[in-house]
């Protein structure tokens, strides 16, 4: 069950590496190494110690209880989503700002997001003119 939960976290954050998870756990004062995390993820360590589970939870920013809950529960999903927002502070701040908007403005933001998601690539904005270059041209 714990290896499946670890794998689910990595699937939720496809760009997050084991080294980054370990670094985040260590930054929070926990002992964890990439080999141990990989062994838990692959199931070679199916029943890790409480300390390892707490360290892995800290590395992902979820509560250790996430690993203890049986089955997929709403609380477990909420835990992962909240942790993902905490990883990206700018994303969290945007979500808070959007939540504070009146309902009609929130709808406008969602419509804009739909447009942005269906557009191939946003066009790059032209570079701002160099003030020194403008001065030279006007002389």
N, C-alpha and C. Protein backbone atom coordinates (compact mmCIF):
# COMPACT_ATOMS: atom_id res chain seq x y z
N UNK A 1 0.82 -1.19 0.00
CA UNK A 1 0.00 0.00 0.00
C UNK A 1 0.87 1.26 0.00
N UNK A 2 1.90 1.31 0.83
CA UNK A 2 2.75 2.50 0.88
C UNK A 2 3.48 2.70 -0.45
N UNK A 3 4.05 1.65 -1.06
CA UNK A 3 4.67 1.87 -2.37
C UNK A 3 3.68 2.44 -3.40
N UNK A 4 2.44 1.97 -3.35
CA UNK A 4 1.43 2.50 -4.28
C UNK A 4 1.16 3.98 -4.03
N UNK A 5 1.14 4.36 -2.77
CA UNK A 5 0.91 5.77 -2.42
C UNK A 5 2.08 6.64 -2.87
N UNK A 6 3.30 6.14 -2.69
CA UNK A 6 4.47 6.89 -3.14
C UNK A 6 4.42 7.05 -4.66
N UNK A 7 4.10 5.98 -5.36
CA UNK A 7 3.99 6.03 -6.82
C UNK A 7 2.91 7.02 -7.25
N UNK A 8 1.78 7.04 -6.53
CA UNK A 8 0.71 7.98 -6.86
C UNK A 8 1.18 9.43 -6.72
N UNK A 9 2.00 9.70 -5.73
CA UNK A 9 2.53 11.05 -5.55
C UNK A 9 3.45 11.42 -6.71
N UNK A 10 4.30 10.49 -7.13
CA UNK A 10 5.17 10.77 -8.26
C UNK A 10 4.36 10.94 -9.55
N UNK A 11 3.27 10.20 -9.70
CA UNK A 11 2.42 10.38 -10.88
C UNK A 11 1.73 11.73 -10.86
N UNK A 12 1.39 12.19 -9.66
CA UNK A 12 0.72 13.48 -9.53
C UNK A 12 1.69 14.62 -9.86
N UNK A 13 2.97 14.44 -9.53
CA UNK A 13 4.02 15.42 -9.82
C UNK A 13 5.02 14.78 -10.79
N UNK A 14 4.68 14.67 -12.06
CA UNK A 14 5.56 13.94 -12.99
C UNK A 14 6.95 14.55 -13.15
N UNK A 15 7.10 15.84 -12.88
CA UNK A 15 8.41 16.47 -13.04
C UNK A 15 9.26 16.43 -11.78
N UNK A 16 8.71 15.94 -10.69
CA UNK A 16 9.43 15.90 -9.42
C UNK A 16 10.33 14.66 -9.40
N UNK A 17 11.59 14.86 -9.10
CA UNK A 17 12.53 13.74 -9.06
C UNK A 17 12.68 13.23 -7.63
N UNK A 18 13.21 12.02 -7.52
CA UNK A 18 13.48 11.44 -6.20
C UNK A 18 14.47 12.32 -5.44
N UNK A 19 15.47 12.83 -6.14
CA UNK A 19 16.46 13.69 -5.49
C UNK A 19 15.81 14.95 -4.92
N UNK A 20 14.83 15.50 -5.62
CA UNK A 20 14.14 16.69 -5.11
C UNK A 20 13.31 16.35 -3.87
N UNK A 21 12.64 15.21 -3.89
CA UNK A 21 11.86 14.79 -2.72
C UNK A 21 12.78 14.61 -1.52
N UNK A 22 13.91 13.96 -1.74
CA UNK A 22 14.88 13.75 -0.67
C UNK A 22 15.40 15.09 -0.16
N UNK A 23 15.71 16.00 -1.06
CA UNK A 23 16.20 17.32 -0.66
C UNK A 23 15.20 18.08 0.17
N UNK A 24 13.93 18.00 -0.21
CA UNK A 24 12.88 18.67 0.56
C UNK A 24 12.72 18.02 1.94
N UNK A 25 12.82 16.70 2.01
CA UNK A 25 12.72 16.01 3.30
C UNK A 25 13.88 16.42 4.20
N UNK A 26 15.07 16.45 3.64
CA UNK A 26 16.25 16.83 4.42
C UNK A 26 16.16 18.28 4.88
N UNK A 27 15.65 19.14 4.02
CA UNK A 27 15.50 20.56 4.39
C UNK A 27 14.55 20.72 5.56
N UNK A 28 13.67 19.75 5.74
CA UNK A 28 12.72 19.78 6.86
C UNK A 28 13.24 18.97 8.06
N UNK A 29 14.51 18.58 8.01
CA UNK A 29 15.14 17.92 9.15
C UNK A 29 15.00 16.41 9.20
N UNK A 30 14.62 15.77 8.10
CA UNK A 30 14.44 14.32 8.09
C UNK A 30 15.61 13.65 7.39
N UNK A 31 15.85 12.40 7.77
CA UNK A 31 16.90 11.60 7.14
C UNK A 31 16.26 10.72 6.10
N UNK A 32 16.69 10.91 4.86
CA UNK A 32 16.18 10.11 3.74
C UNK A 32 17.21 10.16 2.63
N UNK A 33 17.36 9.06 1.90
CA UNK A 33 18.25 9.06 0.76
C UNK A 33 17.51 8.51 -0.45
N UNK A 34 18.05 8.78 -1.62
CA UNK A 34 17.39 8.40 -2.87
C UNK A 34 17.22 6.88 -2.95
N UNK A 35 18.22 6.12 -2.50
CA UNK A 35 18.12 4.66 -2.55
C UNK A 35 16.95 4.13 -1.73
N UNK A 36 16.77 4.68 -0.55
CA UNK A 36 15.66 4.24 0.31
C UNK A 36 14.32 4.62 -0.32
N UNK A 37 14.23 5.85 -0.80
CA UNK A 37 12.99 6.29 -1.44
C UNK A 37 12.67 5.40 -2.64
N UNK A 38 13.66 5.11 -3.46
CA UNK A 38 13.44 4.26 -4.63
C UNK A 38 13.03 2.85 -4.22
N UNK A 39 13.62 2.34 -3.14
CA UNK A 39 13.27 1.00 -2.67
C UNK A 39 11.83 0.95 -2.16
N UNK A 40 11.40 2.02 -1.50
CA UNK A 40 10.00 2.08 -1.05
C UNK A 40 9.08 2.18 -2.26
N UNK A 41 9.44 3.05 -3.18
CA UNK A 41 8.60 3.27 -4.38
C UNK A 41 8.43 1.99 -5.18
N UNK A 42 9.50 1.22 -5.32
CA UNK A 42 9.44 -0.01 -6.12
C UNK A 42 8.83 -1.19 -5.37
N UNK A 43 8.66 -1.05 -4.05
CA UNK A 43 8.10 -2.13 -3.27
C UNK A 43 9.14 -3.04 -2.65
N UNK A 44 10.44 -2.77 -2.91
CA UNK A 44 11.48 -3.57 -2.27
C UNK A 44 11.46 -3.39 -0.76
N UNK A 45 11.04 -2.21 -0.32
CA UNK A 45 10.76 -1.98 1.10
C UNK A 45 9.25 -1.73 1.17
N UNK A 46 8.50 -2.80 1.40
CA UNK A 46 7.04 -2.69 1.38
C UNK A 46 6.49 -2.10 2.67
N UNK A 47 7.22 -2.30 3.77
CA UNK A 47 6.77 -1.82 5.07
C UNK A 47 7.87 -1.00 5.72
N UNK A 48 8.06 0.24 5.23
CA UNK A 48 9.13 1.08 5.78
C UNK A 48 8.83 1.50 7.21
N UNK A 49 9.87 1.92 7.90
CA UNK A 49 9.71 2.38 9.29
C UNK A 49 8.87 3.66 9.31
N UNK A 50 8.37 3.95 10.47
CA UNK A 50 7.58 5.18 10.66
C UNK A 50 8.42 6.40 10.30
N UNK A 51 9.70 6.37 10.68
CA UNK A 51 10.59 7.50 10.38
C UNK A 51 10.72 7.73 8.89
N UNK A 52 10.83 6.65 8.12
CA UNK A 52 10.96 6.78 6.66
C UNK A 52 9.66 7.32 6.08
N UNK A 53 8.53 6.82 6.55
CA UNK A 53 7.24 7.30 6.04
C UNK A 53 7.08 8.79 6.34
N UNK A 54 7.44 9.21 7.53
CA UNK A 54 7.35 10.62 7.89
C UNK A 54 8.27 11.46 7.01
N UNK A 55 9.47 10.96 6.74
CA UNK A 55 10.41 11.68 5.88
C UNK A 55 9.87 11.80 4.45
N UNK A 56 9.32 10.73 3.92
CA UNK A 56 8.77 10.76 2.57
C UNK A 56 7.59 11.74 2.52
N UNK A 57 6.74 11.68 3.53
CA UNK A 57 5.61 12.62 3.58
C UNK A 57 6.11 14.06 3.59
N UNK A 58 7.14 14.32 4.38
CA UNK A 58 7.70 15.67 4.44
C UNK A 58 8.27 16.08 3.08
N UNK A 59 8.90 15.15 2.40
CA UNK A 59 9.48 15.44 1.09
C UNK A 59 8.44 15.81 0.06
N UNK A 60 7.26 15.22 0.17
CA UNK A 60 6.17 15.55 -0.75
C UNK A 60 5.27 16.66 -0.22
N UNK A 61 5.40 16.98 1.06
CA UNK A 61 4.55 18.01 1.64
C UNK A 61 3.15 17.54 1.97
N UNK A 62 3.00 16.24 2.20
CA UNK A 62 1.71 15.68 2.61
C UNK A 62 1.82 15.21 4.05
N UNK A 63 0.69 14.99 4.67
CA UNK A 63 0.72 14.50 6.04
C UNK A 63 1.04 13.00 6.03
N UNK A 64 1.71 12.51 7.07
CA UNK A 64 2.01 11.07 7.13
C UNK A 64 0.75 10.21 7.10
N UNK A 65 -0.37 10.75 7.55
CA UNK A 65 -1.62 10.00 7.54
C UNK A 65 -2.04 9.59 6.14
N UNK A 66 -1.57 10.33 5.15
CA UNK A 66 -1.87 9.97 3.76
C UNK A 66 -1.49 8.52 3.48
N UNK A 67 -0.39 8.07 4.07
CA UNK A 67 0.09 6.71 3.82
C UNK A 67 -0.66 5.67 4.64
N UNK A 68 -1.37 6.09 5.68
CA UNK A 68 -2.05 5.15 6.57
C UNK A 68 -3.49 4.89 6.16
N UNK A 69 -4.06 5.78 5.35
CA UNK A 69 -5.47 5.64 4.99
C UNK A 69 -5.67 4.49 4.00
N UNK A 70 -6.69 3.71 4.24
CA UNK A 70 -6.99 2.60 3.35
C UNK A 70 -7.79 3.11 2.16
N UNK A 71 -7.40 2.70 0.97
CA UNK A 71 -8.13 3.09 -0.22
C UNK A 71 -7.96 4.56 -0.55
N UNK A 72 -8.48 4.95 -1.67
CA UNK A 72 -8.43 6.35 -2.10
C UNK A 72 -9.60 7.08 -1.48
N UNK A 73 -9.30 8.03 -0.66
CA UNK A 73 -10.35 8.79 0.00
C UNK A 73 -10.29 10.24 -0.45
N UNK A 74 -11.36 10.97 -0.23
CA UNK A 74 -11.38 12.39 -0.56
C UNK A 74 -10.28 13.12 0.20
N UNK A 75 -10.10 12.75 1.47
CA UNK A 75 -9.07 13.42 2.28
C UNK A 75 -7.69 13.20 1.69
N UNK A 76 -7.41 12.00 1.22
CA UNK A 76 -6.09 11.73 0.63
C UNK A 76 -5.89 12.55 -0.63
N UNK A 77 -6.90 12.62 -1.47
CA UNK A 77 -6.81 13.43 -2.68
C UNK A 77 -6.64 14.90 -2.36
N UNK A 78 -7.37 15.39 -1.36
CA UNK A 78 -7.23 16.78 -0.94
C UNK A 78 -5.84 17.06 -0.42
N UNK A 79 -5.29 16.10 0.31
CA UNK A 79 -3.95 16.23 0.87
C UNK A 79 -2.93 16.42 -0.25
N UNK A 80 -3.04 15.62 -1.30
CA UNK A 80 -2.11 15.72 -2.42
C UNK A 80 -2.29 17.06 -3.13
N UNK A 81 -3.53 17.43 -3.41
CA UNK A 81 -3.77 18.70 -4.11
C UNK A 81 -3.26 19.89 -3.31
N UNK A 82 -3.50 19.89 -2.02
CA UNK A 82 -3.02 20.98 -1.17
C UNK A 82 -1.51 21.03 -1.17
N UNK A 83 -0.87 19.88 -1.07
CA UNK A 83 0.60 19.84 -1.07
C UNK A 83 1.14 20.35 -2.40
N UNK A 84 0.48 20.02 -3.48
CA UNK A 84 0.96 20.48 -4.78
C UNK A 84 0.90 22.00 -4.85
N UNK A 85 -0.14 22.58 -4.32
CA UNK A 85 -0.23 24.04 -4.31
C UNK A 85 0.84 24.65 -3.43
N UNK A 86 1.18 23.99 -2.33
CA UNK A 86 2.21 24.51 -1.44
C UNK A 86 3.58 24.47 -2.10
N UNK A 87 3.78 23.52 -3.00
CA UNK A 87 5.06 23.43 -3.70
C UNK A 87 5.25 24.65 -4.58
N UNK A 88 4.21 25.10 -5.23
CA UNK A 88 4.30 26.24 -6.13
C UNK A 88 3.56 27.41 -5.51
N UNK A 89 4.30 28.25 -4.79
CA UNK A 89 3.70 29.37 -4.08
C UNK A 89 2.97 30.32 -5.02
N UNK A 90 3.53 30.58 -6.20
CA UNK A 90 2.87 31.47 -7.16
C UNK A 90 1.51 30.91 -7.59
N UNK A 91 1.45 29.60 -7.80
CA UNK A 91 0.19 28.97 -8.17
C UNK A 91 -0.83 29.13 -7.05
N UNK A 92 -0.38 28.94 -5.82
CA UNK A 92 -1.26 29.11 -4.66
C UNK A 92 -1.79 30.54 -4.60
N UNK A 93 -0.91 31.52 -4.79
CA UNK A 93 -1.33 32.92 -4.71
C UNK A 93 -2.32 33.27 -5.83
N UNK A 94 -2.12 32.70 -7.01
CA UNK A 94 -3.07 32.92 -8.10
C UNK A 94 -4.43 32.32 -7.75
N UNK A 95 -4.42 31.12 -7.18
CA UNK A 95 -5.67 30.48 -6.80
C UNK A 95 -6.41 31.31 -5.76
N UNK A 96 -5.70 31.85 -4.80
CA UNK A 96 -6.32 32.69 -3.77
C UNK A 96 -6.90 33.95 -4.41
N UNK A 97 -6.13 34.58 -5.30
CA UNK A 97 -6.62 35.80 -5.96
C UNK A 97 -7.87 35.52 -6.78
N UNK A 98 -7.88 34.41 -7.49
CA UNK A 98 -9.05 34.06 -8.30
C UNK A 98 -10.24 33.77 -7.40
N UNK A 99 -10.02 33.09 -6.30
CA UNK A 99 -11.12 32.77 -5.38
C UNK A 99 -11.77 34.01 -4.80
N UNK A 100 -11.01 35.10 -4.69
CA UNK A 100 -11.54 36.33 -4.13
C UNK A 100 -12.34 37.16 -5.14
N UNK A 101 -12.27 36.79 -6.40
CA UNK A 101 -12.98 37.54 -7.43
C UNK A 101 -14.48 37.27 -7.34
N UNK A 102 -15.29 38.23 -7.81
CA UNK A 102 -16.74 37.97 -7.90
C UNK A 102 -16.97 36.81 -8.88
N UNK A 103 -18.07 36.08 -8.73
CA UNK A 103 -18.32 34.89 -9.56
C UNK A 103 -18.21 35.14 -11.06
N UNK A 104 -18.71 36.27 -11.54
CA UNK A 104 -18.66 36.52 -12.99
C UNK A 104 -17.21 36.70 -13.46
N UNK A 105 -16.37 37.29 -12.64
CA UNK A 105 -14.97 37.46 -13.01
C UNK A 105 -14.23 36.12 -12.95
N UNK A 106 -14.58 35.28 -11.97
CA UNK A 106 -13.97 33.93 -11.90
C UNK A 106 -14.30 33.17 -13.18
N UNK A 107 -15.55 33.28 -13.64
CA UNK A 107 -15.95 32.62 -14.88
C UNK A 107 -15.12 33.12 -16.05
N UNK A 108 -14.85 34.42 -16.07
CA UNK A 108 -14.02 34.98 -17.14
C UNK A 108 -12.60 34.40 -17.10
N UNK A 109 -12.06 34.25 -15.91
CA UNK A 109 -10.72 33.67 -15.78
C UNK A 109 -10.74 32.23 -16.29
N UNK A 110 -11.75 31.47 -15.95
CA UNK A 110 -11.85 30.08 -16.41
C UNK A 110 -11.97 30.02 -17.93
N UNK A 111 -12.74 30.94 -18.51
CA UNK A 111 -12.86 30.99 -19.97
C UNK A 111 -11.51 31.31 -20.61
N UNK A 112 -10.78 32.25 -20.02
CA UNK A 112 -9.46 32.59 -20.53
C UNK A 112 -8.53 31.39 -20.44
N UNK A 113 -8.59 30.66 -19.34
CA UNK A 113 -7.75 29.46 -19.21
C UNK A 113 -8.09 28.43 -20.28
N UNK A 114 -9.38 28.27 -20.57
CA UNK A 114 -9.78 27.35 -21.65
C UNK A 114 -9.17 27.77 -22.98
N UNK A 115 -9.19 29.06 -23.26
CA UNK A 115 -8.61 29.56 -24.50
C UNK A 115 -7.10 29.30 -24.52
N UNK A 116 -6.44 29.59 -23.42
CA UNK A 116 -5.00 29.39 -23.36
C UNK A 116 -4.62 27.92 -23.49
N UNK A 117 -5.43 27.02 -22.94
CA UNK A 117 -5.14 25.59 -23.04
C UNK A 117 -5.32 25.07 -24.45
N UNK A 118 -6.19 25.67 -25.23
CA UNK A 118 -6.45 25.18 -26.58
C UNK A 118 -5.59 25.88 -27.62
N UNK A 119 -4.91 26.93 -27.24
CA UNK A 119 -4.02 27.63 -28.16
C UNK A 119 -2.72 26.85 -28.24
N UNK A 120 -2.20 26.71 -29.47
CA UNK A 120 -0.95 25.95 -29.64
C UNK A 120 0.14 26.48 -28.73
N UNK A 121 0.53 27.68 -28.94
CA UNK A 121 1.55 28.31 -28.12
C UNK A 121 1.27 29.80 -28.10
N UNK A 122 1.42 30.41 -26.95
CA UNK A 122 1.24 31.85 -26.93
C UNK A 122 2.32 32.53 -27.76
N UNK A 123 1.92 33.57 -28.43
CA UNK A 123 2.89 34.32 -29.23
C UNK A 123 3.79 35.10 -28.30
N UNK A 124 5.09 35.09 -28.59
CA UNK A 124 5.98 35.87 -27.73
C UNK A 124 5.72 37.36 -27.91
N UNK A 125 5.79 38.06 -26.79
CA UNK A 125 5.61 39.51 -26.87
C UNK A 125 6.86 40.11 -27.47
N UNK A 126 6.68 41.16 -28.28
CA UNK A 126 7.88 41.80 -28.81
C UNK A 126 8.69 42.40 -27.68
N UNK A 127 9.98 42.38 -27.87
CA UNK A 127 10.87 42.93 -26.84
C UNK A 127 10.63 44.43 -26.72
N UNK A 128 10.72 44.92 -25.51
CA UNK A 128 10.60 46.35 -25.28
C UNK A 128 11.77 47.04 -25.94
N UNK A 129 11.53 48.20 -26.53
CA UNK A 129 12.65 48.89 -27.17
C UNK A 129 13.69 49.29 -26.14
N UNK A 130 14.92 49.21 -26.53
CA UNK A 130 16.03 49.60 -25.68
C UNK A 130 16.06 51.12 -25.58
N UNK A 131 15.98 51.69 -24.36
CA UNK A 131 15.96 53.15 -24.23
C UNK A 131 17.19 53.81 -24.84
N UNK A 132 18.35 53.17 -24.73
CA UNK A 132 19.56 53.74 -25.33
C UNK A 132 19.45 53.79 -26.85
N UNK A 133 18.88 52.73 -27.42
CA UNK A 133 18.70 52.67 -28.88
C UNK A 133 17.73 53.76 -29.34
N UNK A 134 16.66 53.97 -28.58
CA UNK A 134 15.70 55.04 -28.93
C UNK A 134 16.36 56.40 -28.90
N UNK A 135 17.22 56.62 -27.91
CA UNK A 135 17.92 57.92 -27.83
C UNK A 135 18.84 58.12 -29.03
N UNK A 136 19.55 57.06 -29.43
CA UNK A 136 20.45 57.16 -30.57
C UNK A 136 19.68 57.47 -31.84
N UNK A 137 18.51 56.82 -32.00
CA UNK A 137 17.70 57.04 -33.20
C UNK A 137 17.14 58.45 -33.26
N UNK A 138 16.80 59.02 -32.12
CA UNK A 138 16.19 60.34 -32.11
C UNK A 138 17.24 61.46 -32.21
N UNK A 139 18.53 61.12 -32.08
CA UNK A 139 19.57 62.16 -32.15
C UNK A 139 19.94 62.49 -33.56
